[in-house]
Amino acid sequence: MDPRSVIKRAITTEKTSELKQKNNRYVFEVDIKANKVDIKNAVETMFKVKTIKINTSITHGKKKRVRWQLGNKPDWKKAMVQLRVGDRIETLE
């Protein structure tokens, strides 16, 4: 898979900024069909860093209601990537 199609965006919240500082972990929203090998290759080629560990989870979309109709937001996949000691992703900071 193309690295730019695997990684959709970086997730920046208070919790993820703590993970960056303490554990050198970065959190991304990724393509739901991507596996850990695809995610590892995409991060290493896009940001020129080495990854140690990758954890993924699929977050199911919330149910939403507009007047009398029910609907769902789409499911999405999150990847927490731990980098080698000394490596940093400069563009996300």
N, C-alpha and C. Protein backbone atom coordinates (compact mmCIF):
# COMPACT_ATOMS: atom_id res chain seq x y z
N MET A 1 0.83 -1.19 0.00
CA MET A 1 0.00 0.00 0.00
C MET A 1 0.87 1.25 0.00
N ASP A 2 0.34 2.31 -0.57
CA ASP A 2 1.03 3.60 -0.59
C ASP A 2 1.06 4.19 0.82
N PRO A 3 2.20 4.66 1.30
CA PRO A 3 2.28 5.18 2.67
C PRO A 3 1.31 6.32 2.95
N ARG A 4 1.05 7.15 1.93
CA ARG A 4 0.15 8.27 2.14
C ARG A 4 -1.31 7.84 2.23
N SER A 5 -1.63 6.65 1.71
CA SER A 5 -3.00 6.15 1.83
C SER A 5 -3.18 5.35 3.12
N VAL A 6 -2.10 4.90 3.73
CA VAL A 6 -2.19 4.14 4.99
C VAL A 6 -2.43 5.09 6.15
N ILE A 7 -1.62 6.14 6.28
CA ILE A 7 -1.74 7.08 7.38
C ILE A 7 -2.64 8.23 6.94
N LYS A 8 -3.77 8.39 7.62
CA LYS A 8 -4.70 9.45 7.26
C LYS A 8 -4.37 10.76 7.96
N ARG A 9 -4.16 10.69 9.29
CA ARG A 9 -3.83 11.92 10.03
C ARG A 9 -3.24 11.55 11.38
N ALA A 10 -2.57 12.50 11.98
CA ALA A 10 -2.05 12.32 13.34
C ALA A 10 -3.12 12.78 14.32
N ILE A 11 -3.27 12.05 15.40
CA ILE A 11 -4.24 12.40 16.42
C ILE A 11 -3.51 13.17 17.51
N THR A 12 -3.93 14.40 17.76
CA THR A 12 -3.28 15.23 18.77
C THR A 12 -4.30 15.61 19.83
N THR A 13 -4.13 15.04 21.00
CA THR A 13 -4.94 15.35 22.17
C THR A 13 -3.99 15.50 23.35
N GLU A 14 -4.53 15.79 24.51
CA GLU A 14 -3.69 15.90 25.70
C GLU A 14 -3.05 14.56 26.03
N LYS A 15 -3.82 13.49 25.89
CA LYS A 15 -3.30 12.16 26.20
C LYS A 15 -2.19 11.75 25.23
N THR A 16 -2.37 12.03 23.94
CA THR A 16 -1.34 11.65 22.98
C THR A 16 -0.08 12.50 23.14
N SER A 17 -0.22 13.76 23.54
CA SER A 17 0.98 14.56 23.75
C SER A 17 1.76 14.07 24.98
N GLU A 18 1.06 13.55 25.99
CA GLU A 18 1.74 12.92 27.12
C GLU A 18 2.49 11.66 26.69
N LEU A 19 1.86 10.85 25.83
CA LEU A 19 2.51 9.64 25.32
C LEU A 19 3.77 10.00 24.53
N LYS A 20 3.73 11.10 23.78
CA LYS A 20 4.90 11.54 23.02
C LYS A 20 6.06 11.86 23.95
N GLN A 21 5.77 12.59 25.01
CA GLN A 21 6.83 13.04 25.90
C GLN A 21 7.39 11.92 26.76
N LYS A 22 6.51 11.07 27.31
CA LYS A 22 6.96 10.05 28.25
C LYS A 22 7.49 8.79 27.57
N ASN A 23 6.75 8.26 26.59
CA ASN A 23 7.08 6.95 26.02
C ASN A 23 7.55 6.98 24.58
N ASN A 24 7.67 8.17 23.99
CA ASN A 24 8.07 8.30 22.59
C ASN A 24 7.10 7.55 21.67
N ARG A 25 5.79 7.70 21.94
CA ARG A 25 4.75 7.06 21.14
C ARG A 25 3.95 8.13 20.41
N TYR A 26 3.59 7.81 19.17
CA TYR A 26 2.80 8.71 18.34
C TYR A 26 1.53 7.97 17.94
N VAL A 27 0.41 8.70 17.84
CA VAL A 27 -0.88 8.09 17.55
C VAL A 27 -1.38 8.62 16.22
N PHE A 28 -1.80 7.71 15.34
CA PHE A 28 -2.28 8.05 14.01
C PHE A 28 -3.63 7.41 13.74
N GLU A 29 -4.43 8.07 12.93
CA GLU A 29 -5.60 7.42 12.35
C GLU A 29 -5.13 6.81 11.05
N VAL A 30 -5.40 5.51 10.87
CA VAL A 30 -4.90 4.79 9.71
C VAL A 30 -6.07 4.16 8.95
N ASP A 31 -5.76 3.67 7.75
CA ASP A 31 -6.75 2.98 6.94
C ASP A 31 -7.21 1.73 7.68
N ILE A 32 -8.49 1.46 7.65
CA ILE A 32 -9.06 0.36 8.43
C ILE A 32 -8.59 -1.00 7.90
N LYS A 33 -8.15 -1.06 6.65
CA LYS A 33 -7.68 -2.33 6.08
C LYS A 33 -6.18 -2.54 6.26
N ALA A 34 -5.47 -1.55 6.78
CA ALA A 34 -4.02 -1.66 6.94
C ALA A 34 -3.67 -2.54 8.13
N ASN A 35 -2.64 -3.38 7.95
CA ASN A 35 -2.17 -4.20 9.06
C ASN A 35 -0.91 -3.55 9.66
N LYS A 36 -0.34 -4.21 10.68
CA LYS A 36 0.80 -3.62 11.39
C LYS A 36 2.03 -3.48 10.50
N VAL A 37 2.22 -4.40 9.58
CA VAL A 37 3.37 -4.31 8.68
C VAL A 37 3.22 -3.12 7.74
N ASP A 38 2.01 -2.89 7.22
CA ASP A 38 1.77 -1.73 6.37
C ASP A 38 2.00 -0.43 7.13
N ILE A 39 1.54 -0.38 8.36
CA ILE A 39 1.68 0.82 9.18
C ILE A 39 3.15 1.08 9.48
N LYS A 40 3.90 0.02 9.82
CA LYS A 40 5.32 0.17 10.11
C LYS A 40 6.08 0.69 8.89
N ASN A 41 5.82 0.11 7.72
CA ASN A 41 6.49 0.57 6.50
C ASN A 41 6.14 2.01 6.18
N ALA A 42 4.89 2.39 6.37
CA ALA A 42 4.46 3.75 6.06
C ALA A 42 5.13 4.76 6.98
N VAL A 43 5.18 4.48 8.27
CA VAL A 43 5.79 5.42 9.22
C VAL A 43 7.28 5.53 8.96
N GLU A 44 7.94 4.40 8.71
CA GLU A 44 9.39 4.43 8.50
C GLU A 44 9.77 5.14 7.21
N THR A 45 8.97 5.00 6.15
CA THR A 45 9.32 5.66 4.90
C THR A 45 8.93 7.14 4.90
N MET A 46 7.82 7.48 5.52
CA MET A 46 7.38 8.88 5.50
C MET A 46 8.21 9.77 6.43
N PHE A 47 8.55 9.26 7.61
CA PHE A 47 9.20 10.10 8.62
C PHE A 47 10.67 9.76 8.86
N LYS A 48 11.21 8.74 8.17
CA LYS A 48 12.63 8.36 8.29
C LYS A 48 13.02 8.05 9.73
N VAL A 49 12.24 7.19 10.40
CA VAL A 49 12.49 6.77 11.78
C VAL A 49 12.37 5.25 11.85
N LYS A 50 12.78 4.67 12.97
CA LYS A 50 12.65 3.23 13.20
C LYS A 50 11.59 3.00 14.27
N THR A 51 10.71 2.04 14.03
CA THR A 51 9.65 1.73 14.99
C THR A 51 10.03 0.49 15.79
N ILE A 52 9.60 0.49 17.06
CA ILE A 52 9.83 -0.65 17.94
C ILE A 52 8.57 -1.48 18.08
N LYS A 53 7.45 -0.80 18.31
CA LYS A 53 6.22 -1.49 18.65
C LYS A 53 5.03 -0.74 18.06
N ILE A 54 4.01 -1.50 17.63
CA ILE A 54 2.80 -0.90 17.09
C ILE A 54 1.59 -1.59 17.71
N ASN A 55 0.69 -0.79 18.28
CA ASN A 55 -0.57 -1.29 18.80
C ASN A 55 -1.69 -0.68 17.97
N THR A 56 -2.67 -1.49 17.59
CA THR A 56 -3.79 -1.00 16.81
C THR A 56 -5.10 -1.30 17.50
N SER A 57 -6.10 -0.49 17.22
CA SER A 57 -7.44 -0.75 17.72
C SER A 57 -8.45 -0.16 16.74
N ILE A 58 -9.57 -0.84 16.60
CA ILE A 58 -10.64 -0.36 15.75
C ILE A 58 -11.69 0.27 16.65
N THR A 59 -12.01 1.53 16.38
CA THR A 59 -13.00 2.25 17.15
C THR A 59 -14.29 2.26 16.33
N HIS A 60 -15.34 1.75 16.91
CA HIS A 60 -16.61 1.68 16.21
C HIS A 60 -17.29 3.04 16.25
N GLY A 61 -17.95 3.40 15.14
CA GLY A 61 -18.60 4.69 15.03
C GLY A 61 -19.80 4.81 15.95
N LYS A 62 -20.03 6.03 16.41
CA LYS A 62 -21.14 6.28 17.31
C LYS A 62 -22.46 6.30 16.53
N LYS A 63 -23.53 5.98 17.22
CA LYS A 63 -24.85 6.10 16.64
C LYS A 63 -25.28 7.55 16.73
N LYS A 64 -25.79 8.07 15.64
CA LYS A 64 -26.26 9.46 15.60
C LYS A 64 -27.70 9.47 15.12
N ARG A 65 -28.42 10.48 15.55
CA ARG A 65 -29.81 10.58 15.17
C ARG A 65 -30.06 11.97 14.62
N VAL A 66 -30.68 12.05 13.45
CA VAL A 66 -31.08 13.31 12.86
C VAL A 66 -32.59 13.25 12.69
N ARG A 67 -33.27 13.99 13.52
CA ARG A 67 -34.74 13.96 13.60
C ARG A 67 -35.22 12.54 13.85
N TRP A 68 -35.91 11.96 12.90
CA TRP A 68 -36.46 10.62 13.11
C TRP A 68 -35.60 9.52 12.52
N GLN A 69 -34.53 9.86 11.85
CA GLN A 69 -33.68 8.86 11.21
C GLN A 69 -32.47 8.54 12.09
N LEU A 70 -32.14 7.27 12.16
CA LEU A 70 -30.94 6.84 12.87
C LEU A 70 -29.83 6.57 11.88
N GLY A 71 -28.60 6.83 12.28
CA GLY A 71 -27.45 6.56 11.42
C GLY A 71 -26.23 6.29 12.27
N ASN A 72 -25.15 5.91 11.62
CA ASN A 72 -23.90 5.62 12.31
C ASN A 72 -22.78 6.44 11.69
N LYS A 73 -21.86 6.87 12.54
CA LYS A 73 -20.62 7.43 12.03
C LYS A 73 -19.74 6.25 11.61
N PRO A 74 -18.81 6.46 10.71
CA PRO A 74 -18.00 5.32 10.24
C PRO A 74 -17.03 4.81 11.29
N ASP A 75 -16.70 3.50 11.20
CA ASP A 75 -15.67 2.91 12.04
C ASP A 75 -14.31 3.42 11.57
N TRP A 76 -13.34 3.50 12.49
CA TRP A 76 -12.00 3.94 12.12
C TRP A 76 -10.97 3.21 12.95
N LYS A 77 -9.74 3.19 12.45
CA LYS A 77 -8.67 2.44 13.09
C LYS A 77 -7.60 3.40 13.60
N LYS A 78 -7.12 3.11 14.81
CA LYS A 78 -6.11 3.93 15.46
C LYS A 78 -4.85 3.09 15.65
N ALA A 79 -3.69 3.69 15.43
CA ALA A 79 -2.41 3.00 15.62
C ALA A 79 -1.53 3.82 16.54
N MET A 80 -1.01 3.17 17.59
CA MET A 80 -0.04 3.79 18.49
C MET A 80 1.33 3.23 18.13
N VAL A 81 2.22 4.08 17.70
CA VAL A 81 3.53 3.66 17.21
C VAL A 81 4.60 4.13 18.18
N GLN A 82 5.39 3.18 18.70
CA GLN A 82 6.50 3.52 19.58
C GLN A 82 7.78 3.55 18.76
N LEU A 83 8.52 4.64 18.89
CA LEU A 83 9.76 4.81 18.12
C LEU A 83 10.97 4.44 18.96
N ARG A 84 12.07 4.21 18.25
CA ARG A 84 13.36 3.90 18.88
C ARG A 84 13.81 5.11 19.71
N VAL A 85 14.55 4.85 20.76
CA VAL A 85 15.05 5.92 21.62
C VAL A 85 15.91 6.86 20.79
N GLY A 86 15.64 8.14 20.89
CA GLY A 86 16.40 9.13 20.14
C GLY A 86 15.72 9.58 18.86
N ASP A 87 14.79 8.79 18.32
CA ASP A 87 14.05 9.17 17.12
C ASP A 87 12.87 10.04 17.49
N ARG A 88 12.58 11.03 16.65
CA ARG A 88 11.44 11.91 16.84
C ARG A 88 10.84 12.22 15.49
N ILE A 89 9.55 12.52 15.48
CA ILE A 89 8.89 13.00 14.27
C ILE A 89 8.74 14.50 14.44
N GLU A 90 9.49 15.25 13.68
CA GLU A 90 9.57 16.70 13.85
C GLU A 90 8.31 17.41 13.36
N THR A 91 7.67 16.90 12.31
CA THR A 91 6.55 17.61 11.71
C THR A 91 5.32 17.62 12.58
N LEU A 92 5.23 16.71 13.55
CA LEU A 92 4.04 16.64 14.40
C LEU A 92 4.19 17.42 15.69
N GLU A 93 5.30 18.06 15.91
CA GLU A 93 5.51 18.76 17.18
C GLU A 93 5.47 20.24 17.04
